[in-house]
Amino acid sequence: MLKKAALVAVILVSAVVLSVVAVRYSQASDPYIHEVLALEGNGSRGEAIFRMNCAVCHGLEATGEVGPKLVGVSDHKSKVGLIRQVISGETPPMPQFQPEPRDMADLLNYLERL
């Protein structure tokens, strides 16, 4: 009985790990994300993009207003996660926003330095 429970546990853990890997792979295989990640972003341009498009909700210093604070956001979100967060529009009231890949790379560079 103990062996059967251990086998079930191994199968469940394996299924979870494979699911996580599959989701991460599918996110990273998005052509837009690939293009953004292939570019070296410019933080100064990213800051300008942030101020024009994001600062109203996240604050000029990214310390949070209507939207959450973004200081240190790259400590708990991957590059792919940050890109998906920006472009998805899945977290209302944040609108869907898909800038040109160069602009997204610049914004990503800025967000990673906060």
PDB file of N, CA and C in Angstrom:
ATOM      1  N   MET A   1       0.821  -1.194   0.000  1.00  0.00           N
ATOM      2  CA  MET A   1       0.000   0.000   0.000  1.00  0.00           C
ATOM      3  C   MET A   1       0.866   1.260   0.000  1.00  0.00           C
ATOM      4  N   LEU A   2       1.952   1.224   0.772  1.00  0.00           N
ATOM      5  CA  LEU A   2       2.847   2.368   0.858  1.00  0.00           C
ATOM      6  C   LEU A   2       3.530   2.629  -0.483  1.00  0.00           C
ATOM      7  N   LYS A   3       3.901   1.532  -1.175  1.00  0.00           N
ATOM      8  CA  LYS A   3       4.533   1.678  -2.488  1.00  0.00           C
ATOM      9  C   LYS A   3       3.570   2.311  -3.489  1.00  0.00           C
ATOM     10  N   LYS A   4       2.314   1.922  -3.413  1.00  0.00           N
ATOM     11  CA  LYS A   4       1.306   2.468  -4.327  1.00  0.00           C
ATOM     12  C   LYS A   4       1.119   3.965  -4.076  1.00  0.00           C
ATOM     13  N   ALA A   5       1.079   4.385  -2.814  1.00  0.00           N
ATOM     14  CA  ALA A   5       0.930   5.805  -2.466  1.00  0.00           C
ATOM     15  C   ALA A   5       2.141   6.600  -2.942  1.00  0.00           C
ATOM     16  N   ALA A   6       3.329   6.014  -2.789  1.00  0.00           N
ATOM     17  CA  ALA A   6       4.548   6.687  -3.243  1.00  0.00           C
ATOM     18  C   ALA A   6       4.535   6.846  -4.762  1.00  0.00           C
ATOM     19  N   LEU A   7       4.088   5.821  -5.459  1.00  0.00           N
ATOM     20  CA  LEU A   7       4.007   5.884  -6.915  1.00  0.00           C
ATOM     21  C   LEU A   7       3.020   6.965  -7.361  1.00  0.00           C
ATOM     22  N   VAL A   8       1.878   7.039  -6.714  1.00  0.00           N
ATOM     23  CA  VAL A   8       0.882   8.068  -7.031  1.00  0.00           C
ATOM     24  C   VAL A   8       1.467   9.456  -6.776  1.00  0.00           C
ATOM     25  N   ALA A   9       2.189   9.623  -5.675  1.00  0.00           N
ATOM     26  CA  ALA A   9       2.806  10.913  -5.352  1.00  0.00           C
ATOM     27  C   ALA A   9       3.824  11.309  -6.415  1.00  0.00           C
ATOM     28  N   VAL A  10       4.643  10.364  -6.846  1.00  0.00           N
ATOM     29  CA  VAL A  10       5.644  10.639  -7.886  1.00  0.00           C
ATOM     30  C   VAL A  10       4.960  11.039  -9.190  1.00  0.00           C
ATOM     31  N   ILE A  11       3.908  10.346  -9.546  1.00  0.00           N
ATOM     32  CA  ILE A  11       3.172  10.662 -10.774  1.00  0.00           C
ATOM     33  C   ILE A  11       2.566  12.060 -10.690  1.00  0.00           C
ATOM     34  N   LEU A  12       1.970  12.397  -9.560  1.00  0.00           N
ATOM     35  CA  LEU A  12       1.370  13.729  -9.394  1.00  0.00           C
ATOM     36  C   LEU A  12       2.415  14.834  -9.464  1.00  0.00           C
ATOM     37  N   VAL A  13       3.530  14.650  -8.778  1.00  0.00           N
ATOM     38  CA  VAL A  13       4.601  15.653  -8.805  1.00  0.00           C
ATOM     39  C   VAL A  13       5.135  15.797 -10.226  1.00  0.00           C
ATOM     40  N   SER A  14       5.328  14.688 -10.911  1.00  0.00           N
ATOM     41  CA  SER A  14       5.810  14.727 -12.298  1.00  0.00           C
ATOM     42  C   SER A  14       4.836  15.476 -13.197  1.00  0.00           C
ATOM     43  N   ALA A  15       3.557  15.244 -13.019  1.00  0.00           N
ATOM     44  CA  ALA A  15       2.544  15.927 -13.832  1.00  0.00           C
ATOM     45  C   ALA A  15       2.576  17.431 -13.589  1.00  0.00           C
ATOM     46  N   VAL A  16       2.727  17.832 -12.339  1.00  0.00           N
ATOM     47  CA  VAL A  16       2.789  19.265 -12.017  1.00  0.00           C
ATOM     48  C   VAL A  16       4.028  19.888 -12.649  1.00  0.00           C
ATOM     49  N   VAL A  17       5.169  19.238 -12.503  1.00  0.00           N
ATOM     50  CA  VAL A  17       6.415  19.761 -13.070  1.00  0.00           C
ATOM     51  C   VAL A  17       6.304  19.877 -14.587  1.00  0.00           C
ATOM     52  N   LEU A  18       5.797  18.854 -15.234  1.00  0.00           N
ATOM     53  CA  LEU A  18       5.638  18.897 -16.690  1.00  0.00           C
ATOM     54  C   LEU A  18       4.675  19.999 -17.117  1.00  0.00           C
ATOM     55  N   SER A  19       3.625  20.210 -16.361  1.00  0.00           N
ATOM     56  CA  SER A  19       2.672  21.283 -16.677  1.00  0.00           C
ATOM     57  C   SER A  19       3.334  22.647 -16.585  1.00  0.00           C
ATOM     58  N   VAL A  20       4.102  22.861 -15.539  1.00  0.00           N
ATOM     59  CA  VAL A  20       4.798  24.141 -15.367  1.00  0.00           C
ATOM     60  C   VAL A  20       5.784  24.364 -16.505  1.00  0.00           C
ATOM     61  N   VAL A  21       6.549  23.342 -16.853  1.00  0.00           N
ATOM     62  CA  VAL A  21       7.515  23.449 -17.948  1.00  0.00           C
ATOM     63  C   VAL A  21       6.794  23.741 -19.259  1.00  0.00           C
ATOM     64  N   ALA A  22       5.693  23.067 -19.513  1.00  0.00           N
ATOM     65  CA  ALA A  22       4.939  23.282 -20.754  1.00  0.00           C
ATOM     66  C   ALA A  22       4.404  24.705 -20.838  1.00  0.00           C
ATOM     67  N   VAL A  23       3.889  25.222 -19.741  1.00  0.00           N
ATOM     68  CA  VAL A  23       3.374  26.596 -19.735  1.00  0.00           C
ATOM     69  C   VAL A  23       4.507  27.574 -19.986  1.00  0.00           C
ATOM     70  N   ARG A  24       5.622  27.402 -19.295  1.00  0.00           N
ATOM     71  CA  ARG A  24       6.769  28.306 -19.485  1.00  0.00           C
ATOM     72  C   ARG A  24       7.274  28.238 -20.925  1.00  0.00           C
ATOM     73  N   TYR A  25       7.357  27.036 -21.489  1.00  0.00           N
ATOM     74  CA  TYR A  25       7.822  26.887 -22.860  1.00  0.00           C
ATOM     75  C   TYR A  25       6.868  27.569 -23.830  1.00  0.00           C
ATOM     76  N   SER A  26       5.573  27.386 -23.634  1.00  0.00           N
ATOM     77  CA  SER A  26       4.609  27.994 -24.556  1.00  0.00           C
ATOM     78  C   SER A  26       4.657  29.511 -24.456  1.00  0.00           C
ATOM     79  N   GLN A  27       4.880  30.040 -23.256  1.00  0.00           N
ATOM     80  CA  GLN A  27       4.990  31.490 -23.109  1.00  0.00           C
ATOM     81  C   GLN A  27       6.243  31.999 -23.804  1.00  0.00           C
ATOM     82  N   ALA A  28       7.349  31.312 -23.615  1.00  0.00           N
ATOM     83  CA  ALA A  28       8.607  31.756 -24.202  1.00  0.00           C
ATOM     84  C   ALA A  28       8.648  31.509 -25.701  1.00  0.00           C
ATOM     85  N   SER A  29       7.766  30.658 -26.229  1.00  0.00           N
ATOM     86  CA  SER A  29       7.786  30.382 -27.661  1.00  0.00           C
ATOM     87  C   SER A  29       6.951  31.381 -28.453  1.00  0.00           C
ATOM     88  N   ASP A  30       6.276  32.294 -27.778  1.00  0.00           N
ATOM     89  CA  ASP A  30       5.511  33.346 -28.437  1.00  0.00           C
ATOM     90  C   ASP A  30       6.477  34.201 -29.265  1.00  0.00           C
ATOM     91  N   PRO A  31       6.234  34.372 -30.581  1.00  0.00           N
ATOM     92  CA  PRO A  31       7.156  35.125 -31.438  1.00  0.00           C
ATOM     93  C   PRO A  31       7.411  36.553 -30.947  1.00  0.00           C
ATOM     94  N   TYR A  32       6.389  37.213 -30.440  1.00  0.00           N
ATOM     95  CA  TYR A  32       6.563  38.573 -29.919  1.00  0.00           C
ATOM     96  C   TYR A  32       7.542  38.563 -28.742  1.00  0.00           C
ATOM     97  N   ILE A  33       7.354  37.627 -27.820  1.00  0.00           N
ATOM     98  CA  ILE A  33       8.235  37.542 -26.656  1.00  0.00           C
ATOM     99  C   ILE A  33       9.660  37.229 -27.095  1.00  0.00           C
ATOM    100  N   HIS A  34       9.818  36.310 -28.038  1.00  0.00           N
ATOM    101  CA  HIS A  34      11.146  35.985 -28.565  1.00  0.00           C
ATOM    102  C   HIS A  34      11.812  37.224 -29.138  1.00  0.00           C
ATOM    103  N   GLU A  35      11.065  37.989 -29.905  1.00  0.00           N
ATOM    104  CA  GLU A  35      11.626  39.190 -30.523  1.00  0.00           C
ATOM    105  C   GLU A  35      12.057  40.195 -29.457  1.00  0.00           C
ATOM    106  N   VAL A  36      11.221  40.392 -28.454  1.00  0.00           N
ATOM    107  CA  VAL A  36      11.557  41.329 -27.369  1.00  0.00           C
ATOM    108  C   VAL A  36      12.816  40.872 -26.644  1.00  0.00           C
ATOM    109  N   LEU A  37      12.887  39.593 -26.309  1.00  0.00           N
ATOM    110  CA  LEU A  37      14.025  39.077 -25.553  1.00  0.00           C
ATOM    111  C   LEU A  37      15.326  39.104 -26.350  1.00  0.00           C
ATOM    112  N   ALA A  38      15.226  39.112 -27.670  1.00  0.00           N
ATOM    113  CA  ALA A  38      16.420  39.165 -28.515  1.00  0.00           C
ATOM    114  C   ALA A  38      17.016  40.572 -28.575  1.00  0.00           C
ATOM    115  N   LEU A  39      16.258  41.560 -28.133  1.00  0.00           N
ATOM    116  CA  LEU A  39      16.714  42.950 -28.199  1.00  0.00           C
ATOM    117  C   LEU A  39      17.310  43.385 -26.866  1.00  0.00           C
ATOM    118  N   GLU A  40      18.317  44.249 -26.949  1.00  0.00           N
ATOM    119  CA  GLU A  40      18.863  44.839 -25.731  1.00  0.00           C
ATOM    120  C   GLU A  40      18.118  46.142 -25.488  1.00  0.00           C
ATOM    121  N   GLY A  41      17.405  46.213 -24.403  1.00  0.00           N
ATOM    122  CA  GLY A  41      16.604  47.397 -24.112  1.00  0.00           C
ATOM    123  C   GLY A  41      17.433  48.566 -23.620  1.00  0.00           C
ATOM    124  N   ASN A  42      16.880  49.750 -23.808  1.00  0.00           N
ATOM    125  CA  ASN A  42      17.498  50.985 -23.334  1.00  0.00           C
ATOM    126  C   ASN A  42      16.652  51.509 -22.177  1.00  0.00           C
ATOM    127  N   GLY A  43      17.224  51.523 -20.985  1.00  0.00           N
ATOM    128  CA  GLY A  43      16.489  51.915 -19.792  1.00  0.00           C
ATOM    129  C   GLY A  43      15.994  53.345 -19.810  1.00  0.00           C
ATOM    130  N   SER A  44      16.754  54.250 -20.422  1.00  0.00           N
ATOM    131  CA  SER A  44      16.318  55.654 -20.487  1.00  0.00           C
ATOM    132  C   SER A  44      15.066  55.786 -21.340  1.00  0.00           C
ATOM    133  N   ARG A  45      15.073  55.105 -22.483  1.00  0.00           N
ATOM    134  CA  ARG A  45      13.865  55.122 -23.325  1.00  0.00           C
ATOM    135  C   ARG A  45      12.723  54.397 -22.614  1.00  0.00           C
ATOM    136  N   GLY A  46      13.058  53.323 -21.905  1.00  0.00           N
ATOM    137  CA  GLY A  46      12.046  52.590 -21.152  1.00  0.00           C
ATOM    138  C   GLY A  46      11.399  53.444 -20.081  1.00  0.00           C
ATOM    139  N   GLU A  47      12.192  54.284 -19.429  1.00  0.00           N
ATOM    140  CA  GLU A  47      11.635  55.177 -18.415  1.00  0.00           C
ATOM    141  C   GLU A  47      10.657  56.163 -19.044  1.00  0.00           C
ATOM    142  N   ALA A  48      11.009  56.685 -20.225  1.00  0.00           N
ATOM    143  CA  ALA A  48      10.105  57.613 -20.924  1.00  0.00           C
ATOM    144  C   ALA A  48       8.796  56.909 -21.292  1.00  0.00           C
ATOM    145  N   ILE A  49       8.886  55.670 -21.759  1.00  0.00           N
ATOM    146  CA  ILE A  49       7.688  54.893 -22.099  1.00  0.00           C
ATOM    147  C   ILE A  49       6.854  54.660 -20.844  1.00  0.00           C
ATOM    148  N   PHE A  50       7.526  54.326 -19.744  1.00  0.00           N
ATOM    149  CA  PHE A  50       6.837  54.109 -18.472  1.00  0.00           C
ATOM    150  C   PHE A  50       6.094  55.373 -18.048  1.00  0.00           C
ATOM    151  N   ARG A  51       6.763  56.497 -18.107  1.00  0.00           N
ATOM    152  CA  ARG A  51       6.149  57.757 -17.664  1.00  0.00           C
ATOM    153  C   ARG A  51       4.928  58.116 -18.516  1.00  0.00           C
ATOM    154  N   MET A  52       4.992  57.823 -19.818  1.00  0.00           N
ATOM    155  CA  MET A  52       3.867  58.149 -20.709  1.00  0.00           C
ATOM    156  C   MET A  52       2.694  57.184 -20.554  1.00  0.00           C
ATOM    157  N   ASN A  53       2.981  55.915 -20.299  1.00  0.00           N
ATOM    158  CA  ASN A  53       1.930  54.896 -20.352  1.00  0.00           C
ATOM    159  C   ASN A  53       1.571  54.245 -19.022  1.00  0.00           C
ATOM    160  N   CYS A  54       2.452  54.299 -18.055  1.00  0.00           N
ATOM    161  CA  CYS A  54       2.268  53.503 -16.839  1.00  0.00           C
ATOM    162  C   CYS A  54       2.210  54.322 -15.552  1.00  0.00           C
ATOM    163  N   ALA A  55       2.876  55.482 -15.561  1.00  0.00           N
ATOM    164  CA  ALA A  55       3.050  56.247 -14.321  1.00  0.00           C
ATOM    165  C   ALA A  55       1.748  56.765 -13.731  1.00  0.00           C
ATOM    166  N   VAL A  56       0.733  56.980 -14.556  1.00  0.00           N
ATOM    167  CA  VAL A  56      -0.542  57.476 -14.025  1.00  0.00           C
ATOM    168  C   VAL A  56      -1.080  56.516 -12.967  1.00  0.00           C
ATOM    169  N   CYS A  57      -0.948  55.226 -13.204  1.00  0.00           N
ATOM    170  CA  CYS A  57      -1.461  54.237 -12.249  1.00  0.00           C
ATOM    171  C   CYS A  57      -0.393  53.725 -11.283  1.00  0.00           C
ATOM    172  N   HIS A  58       0.836  53.586 -11.751  1.00  0.00           N
ATOM    173  CA  HIS A  58       1.885  52.998 -10.921  1.00  0.00           C
ATOM    174  C   HIS A  58       2.744  54.044 -10.214  1.00  0.00           C
ATOM    175  N   GLY A  59       2.519  55.328 -10.491  1.00  0.00           N
ATOM    176  CA  GLY A  59       3.287  56.398  -9.866  1.00  0.00           C
ATOM    177  C   GLY A  59       4.551  56.721 -10.648  1.00  0.00           C
ATOM    178  N   LEU A  60       4.967  57.979 -10.598  1.00  0.00           N
ATOM    179  CA  LEU A  60       6.160  58.405 -11.336  1.00  0.00           C
ATOM    180  C   LEU A  60       7.404  57.632 -10.922  1.00  0.00           C
ATOM    181  N   GLU A  61       7.473  57.248  -9.668  1.00  0.00           N
ATOM    182  CA  GLU A  61       8.625  56.493  -9.171  1.00  0.00           C
ATOM    183  C   GLU A  61       8.311  54.999  -9.047  1.00  0.00           C
ATOM    184  N   ALA A  62       7.207  54.570  -9.649  1.00  0.00           N
ATOM    185  CA  ALA A  62       6.771  53.165  -9.644  1.00  0.00           C
ATOM    186  C   ALA A  62       6.508  52.642  -8.233  1.00  0.00           C
ATOM    187  N   THR A  63       6.107  53.538  -7.341  1.00  0.00           N
ATOM    188  CA  THR A  63       5.851  53.148  -5.952  1.00  0.00           C
ATOM    189  C   THR A  63       4.390  52.799  -5.703  1.00  0.00           C
ATOM    190  N   GLY A  64       3.581  52.825  -6.739  1.00  0.00           N
ATOM    191  CA  GLY A  64       2.185  52.418  -6.635  1.00  0.00           C
ATOM    192  C   GLY A  64       1.240  53.572  -6.400  1.00  0.00           C
ATOM    193  N   GLU A  65       0.132  53.534  -7.072  1.00  0.00           N
ATOM    194  CA  GLU A  65      -0.983  54.480  -6.919  1.00  0.00           C
ATOM    195  C   GLU A  65      -2.233  53.615  -7.015  1.00  0.00           C
ATOM    196  N   VAL A  66      -2.892  53.668  -8.173  1.00  0.00           N
ATOM    197  CA  VAL A  66      -4.019  52.766  -8.443  1.00  0.00           C
ATOM    198  C   VAL A  66      -3.470  51.355  -8.667  1.00  0.00           C
ATOM    199  N   GLY A  67      -2.401  51.274  -9.458  1.00  0.00           N
ATOM    200  CA  GLY A  67      -1.739  49.999  -9.707  1.00  0.00           C
ATOM    201  C   GLY A  67      -0.714  49.716  -8.624  1.00  0.00           C
ATOM    202  N   PRO A  68      -0.226  48.485  -8.559  1.00  0.00           N
ATOM    203  CA  PRO A  68       0.736  48.125  -7.517  1.00  0.00           C
ATOM    204  C   PRO A  68       2.096  48.771  -7.730  1.00  0.00           C
ATOM    205  N   LYS A  69       2.879  48.771  -6.685  1.00  0.00           N
ATOM    206  CA  LYS A  69       4.249  49.276  -6.785  1.00  0.00           C
ATOM    207  C   LYS A  69       5.041  48.304  -7.649  1.00  0.00           C
ATOM    208  N   LEU A  70       5.940  48.847  -8.452  1.00  0.00           N
ATOM    209  CA  LEU A  70       6.734  48.016  -9.348  1.00  0.00           C
ATOM    210  C   LEU A  70       8.210  47.994  -8.970  1.00  0.00           C
ATOM    211  N   VAL A  71       8.568  48.707  -7.921  1.00  0.00           N
ATOM    212  CA  VAL A  71       9.947  48.676  -7.451  1.00  0.00           C
ATOM    213  C   VAL A  71      10.255  47.243  -7.022  1.00  0.00           C
ATOM    214  N   GLY A  72      11.309  46.670  -7.588  1.00  0.00           N
ATOM    215  CA  GLY A  72      11.690  45.296  -7.272  1.00  0.00           C
ATOM    216  C   GLY A  72      10.848  44.234  -7.944  1.00  0.00           C
ATOM    217  N   VAL A  73      10.045  44.616  -8.933  1.00  0.00           N
ATOM    218  CA  VAL A  73       9.144  43.655  -9.578  1.00  0.00           C
ATOM    219  C   VAL A  73       9.907  42.502 -10.234  1.00  0.00           C
ATOM    220  N   SER A  74      11.114  42.776 -10.735  1.00  0.00           N
ATOM    221  CA  SER A  74      11.866  41.703 -11.396  1.00  0.00           C
ATOM    222  C   SER A  74      12.427  40.691 -10.397  1.00  0.00           C
ATOM    223  N   ASP A  75      12.329  40.995  -9.099  1.00  0.00           N
ATOM    224  CA  ASP A  75      12.756  40.025  -8.089  1.00  0.00           C
ATOM    225  C   ASP A  75      11.786  38.849  -7.990  1.00  0.00           C
ATOM    226  N   HIS A  76      10.542  39.058  -8.406  1.00  0.00           N
ATOM    227  CA  HIS A  76       9.561  37.972  -8.302  1.00  0.00           C
ATOM    228  C   HIS A  76       8.825  37.686  -9.603  1.00  0.00           C
ATOM    229  N   LYS A  77       9.202  38.355 -10.681  1.00  0.00           N
ATOM    230  CA  LYS A  77       8.625  38.054 -11.999  1.00  0.00           C
ATOM    231  C   LYS A  77       9.760  37.911 -13.002  1.00  0.00           C
ATOM    232  N   SER A  78       9.685  36.893 -13.829  1.00  0.00           N
ATOM    233  CA  SER A  78      10.690  36.688 -14.873  1.00  0.00           C
ATOM    234  C   SER A  78      10.471  37.692 -16.000  1.00  0.00           C
ATOM    235  N   LYS A  79      11.426  37.760 -16.912  1.00  0.00           N
ATOM    236  CA  LYS A  79      11.271  38.640 -18.078  1.00  0.00           C
ATOM    237  C   LYS A  79      10.015  38.261 -18.860  1.00  0.00           C
ATOM    238  N   VAL A  80       9.837  36.968 -19.080  1.00  0.00           N
ATOM    239  CA  VAL A  80       8.651  36.501 -19.806  1.00  0.00           C
ATOM    240  C   VAL A  80       7.392  36.875 -19.030  1.00  0.00           C
ATOM    241  N   GLY A  81       7.422  36.702 -17.730  1.00  0.00           N
ATOM    242  CA  GLY A  81       6.273  37.056 -16.900  1.00  0.00           C
ATOM    243  C   GLY A  81       5.937  38.534 -16.967  1.00  0.00           C
ATOM    244  N   LEU A  82       6.967  39.379 -16.961  1.00  0.00           N
ATOM    245  CA  LEU A  82       6.739  40.824 -17.064  1.00  0.00           C
ATOM    246  C   LEU A  82       6.131  41.193 -18.417  1.00  0.00           C
ATOM    247  N   ILE A  83       6.670  40.615 -19.477  1.00  0.00           N
ATOM    248  CA  ILE A  83       6.139  40.906 -20.817  1.00  0.00           C
ATOM    249  C   ILE A  83       4.679  40.473 -20.899  1.00  0.00           C
ATOM    250  N   ARG A  84       4.392  39.253 -20.454  1.00  0.00           N
ATOM    251  CA  ARG A  84       3.012  38.750 -20.516  1.00  0.00           C
ATOM    252  C   ARG A  84       2.077  39.619 -19.684  1.00  0.00           C
ATOM    253  N   GLN A  85       2.545  40.088 -18.539  1.00  0.00           N
ATOM    254  CA  GLN A  85       1.727  40.952 -17.684  1.00  0.00           C
ATOM    255  C   GLN A  85       1.352  42.232 -18.426  1.00  0.00           C
ATOM    256  N   VAL A  86       2.319  42.815 -19.111  1.00  0.00           N
ATOM    257  CA  VAL A  86       2.072  44.073 -19.826  1.00  0.00           C
ATOM    258  C   VAL A  86       1.126  43.863 -21.001  1.00  0.00           C
ATOM    259  N   ILE A  87       1.361  42.823 -21.789  1.00  0.00           N
ATOM    260  CA  ILE A  87       0.601  42.681 -23.035  1.00  0.00           C
ATOM    261  C   ILE A  87      -0.745  41.987 -22.879  1.00  0.00           C
ATOM    262  N   SER A  88      -0.967  41.298 -21.760  1.00  0.00           N
ATOM    263  CA  SER A  88      -2.172  40.464 -21.663  1.00  0.00           C
ATOM    264  C   SER A  88      -3.460  41.222 -21.368  1.00  0.00           C
ATOM    265  N   GLY A  89      -3.381  42.240 -20.548  1.00  0.00           N
ATOM    266  CA  GLY A  89      -4.606  42.904 -20.123  1.00  0.00           C
ATOM    267  C   GLY A  89      -5.449  42.031 -19.210  1.00  0.00           C
ATOM    268  N   GLU A  90      -4.846  40.992 -18.626  1.00  0.00           N
ATOM    269  CA  GLU A  90      -5.585  40.048 -17.779  1.00  0.00           C
ATOM    270  C   GLU A  90      -5.706  40.515 -16.333  1.00  0.00           C
ATOM    271  N   THR A  91      -5.162  41.669 -16.019  1.00  0.00           N
ATOM    272  CA  THR A  91      -5.226  42.151 -14.639  1.00  0.00           C
ATOM    273  C   THR A  91      -5.884  43.521 -14.595  1.00  0.00           C
ATOM    274  N   PRO A  92      -7.209  43.550 -14.755  1.00  0.00           N
ATOM    275  CA  PRO A  92      -7.907  44.830 -14.709  1.00  0.00           C
ATOM    276  C   PRO A  92      -7.598  45.560 -13.412  1.00  0.00           C
ATOM    277  N   PRO A  93      -7.523  46.844 -13.431  1.00  0.00           N
ATOM    278  CA  PRO A  93      -7.915  47.751 -14.498  1.00  0.00           C
ATOM    279  C   PRO A  93      -6.825  48.030 -15.516  1.00  0.00           C
ATOM    280  N   MET A  94      -5.710  47.277 -15.472  1.00  0.00           N
ATOM    281  CA  MET A  94      -4.630  47.517 -16.431  1.00  0.00           C
ATOM    282  C   MET A  94      -5.094  47.141 -17.833  1.00  0.00           C
ATOM    283  N   PRO A  95      -4.999  48.083 -18.769  1.00  0.00           N
ATOM    284  CA  PRO A  95      -5.445  47.788 -20.138  1.00  0.00           C
ATOM    285  C   PRO A  95      -4.440  46.912 -20.873  1.00  0.00           C
ATOM    286  N   GLN A  96      -4.912  46.246 -21.895  1.00  0.00           N
ATOM    287  CA  GLN A  96      -4.026  45.491 -22.771  1.00  0.00           C
ATOM    288  C   GLN A  96      -3.153  46.497 -23.497  1.00  0.00           C
ATOM    289  N   PHE A  97      -1.864  46.230 -23.556  1.00  0.00           N
ATOM    290  CA  PHE A  97      -0.908  47.181 -24.115  1.00  0.00           C
ATOM    291  C   PHE A  97       0.207  46.377 -24.755  1.00  0.00           C
ATOM    292  N   GLN A  98       0.317  46.414 -26.078  1.00  0.00           N
ATOM    293  CA  GLN A  98       1.392  45.676 -26.747  1.00  0.00           C
ATOM    294  C   GLN A  98       2.205  46.645 -27.590  1.00  0.00           C
ATOM    295  N   PRO A  99       3.234  47.232 -26.966  1.00  0.00           N
ATOM    296  CA  PRO A  99       4.076  48.166 -27.712  1.00  0.00           C
ATOM    297  C   PRO A  99       4.916  47.432 -28.751  1.00  0.00           C
ATOM    298  N   GLU A 100       5.535  48.192 -29.627  1.00  0.00           N
ATOM    299  CA  GLU A 100       6.475  47.608 -30.587  1.00  0.00           C
ATOM    300  C   GLU A 100       7.546  46.853 -29.795  1.00  0.00           C
ATOM    301  N   PRO A 101       8.110  45.790 -30.363  1.00  0.00           N
ATOM    302  CA  PRO A 101       9.107  45.008 -29.631  1.00  0.00           C
ATOM    303  C   PRO A 101      10.259  45.847 -29.065  1.00  0.00           C
ATOM    304  N   ARG A 102      10.752  46.806 -29.832  1.00  0.00           N
ATOM    305  CA  ARG A 102      11.840  47.668 -29.349  1.00  0.00           C
ATOM    306  C   ARG A 102      11.393  48.427 -28.093  1.00  0.00           C
ATOM    307  N   ASP A 103      10.180  48.985 -28.126  1.00  0.00           N
ATOM    308  CA  ASP A 103       9.664  49.727 -26.974  1.00  0.00           C
ATOM    309  C   ASP A 103       9.467  48.804 -25.771  1.00  0.00           C
ATOM    310  N   MET A 104       8.999  47.594 -26.012  1.00  0.00           N
ATOM    311  CA  MET A 104       8.803  46.645 -24.915  1.00  0.00           C
ATOM    312  C   MET A 104      10.147  46.261 -24.309  1.00  0.00           C
ATOM    313  N   ALA A 105      11.174  46.074 -25.147  1.00  0.00           N
ATOM    314  CA  ALA A 105      12.512  45.751 -24.640  1.00  0.00           C
ATOM    315  C   ALA A 105      13.046  46.895 -23.779  1.00  0.00           C
ATOM    316  N   ASP A 106      12.796  48.123 -24.215  1.00  0.00           N
ATOM    317  CA  ASP A 106      13.222  49.288 -23.434  1.00  0.00           C
ATOM    318  C   ASP A 106      12.478  49.344 -22.101  1.00  0.00           C
ATOM    319  N   LEU A 107      11.168  49.137 -22.134  1.00  0.00           N
ATOM    320  CA  LEU A 107      10.364  49.153 -20.914  1.00  0.00           C
ATOM    321  C   LEU A 107      10.806  48.031 -19.971  1.00  0.00           C
ATOM    322  N   LEU A 108      11.060  46.857 -20.513  1.00  0.00           N
ATOM    323  CA  LEU A 108      11.517  45.723 -19.716  1.00  0.00           C
ATOM    324  C   LEU A 108      12.841  46.050 -19.029  1.00  0.00           C
ATOM    325  N   ASN A 109      13.756  46.674 -19.762  1.00  0.00           N
ATOM    326  CA  ASN A 109      15.042  47.067 -19.190  1.00  0.00           C
ATOM    327  C   ASN A 109      14.839  48.017 -18.017  1.00  0.00           C
ATOM    328  N   TYR A 110      13.944  48.974 -18.191  1.00  0.00           N
ATOM    329  CA  TYR A 110      13.653  49.925 -17.111  1.00  0.00           C
ATOM    330  C   TYR A 110      13.038  49.213 -15.903  1.00  0.00           C
ATOM    331  N   LEU A 111      12.052  48.359 -16.137  1.00  0.00           N
ATOM    332  CA  LEU A 111      11.388  47.656 -15.038  1.00  0.00           C
ATOM    333  C   LEU A 111      12.366  46.780 -14.257  1.00  0.00           C
ATOM    334  N   GLU A 112      13.309  46.189 -14.959  1.00  0.00           N
ATOM    335  CA  GLU A 112      14.279  45.325 -14.286  1.00  0.00           C
ATOM    336  C   GLU A 112      15.241  46.116 -13.406  1.00  0.00           C
ATOM    337  N   ARG A 113      15.388  47.402 -13.664  1.00  0.00           N
ATOM    338  CA  ARG A 113      16.305  48.224 -12.867  1.00  0.00           C
ATOM    339  C   ARG A 113      15.621  48.892 -11.682  1.00  0.00           C
ATOM    340  N   LEU A 114      14.312  48.747 -11.575  1.00  0.00           N
ATOM    341  CA  LEU A 114      13.604  49.392 -10.460  1.00  0.00           C
ATOM    342  C   LEU A 114      13.932  48.709  -9.137  1.00  0.00           C
TER     343      LEU A 114
END
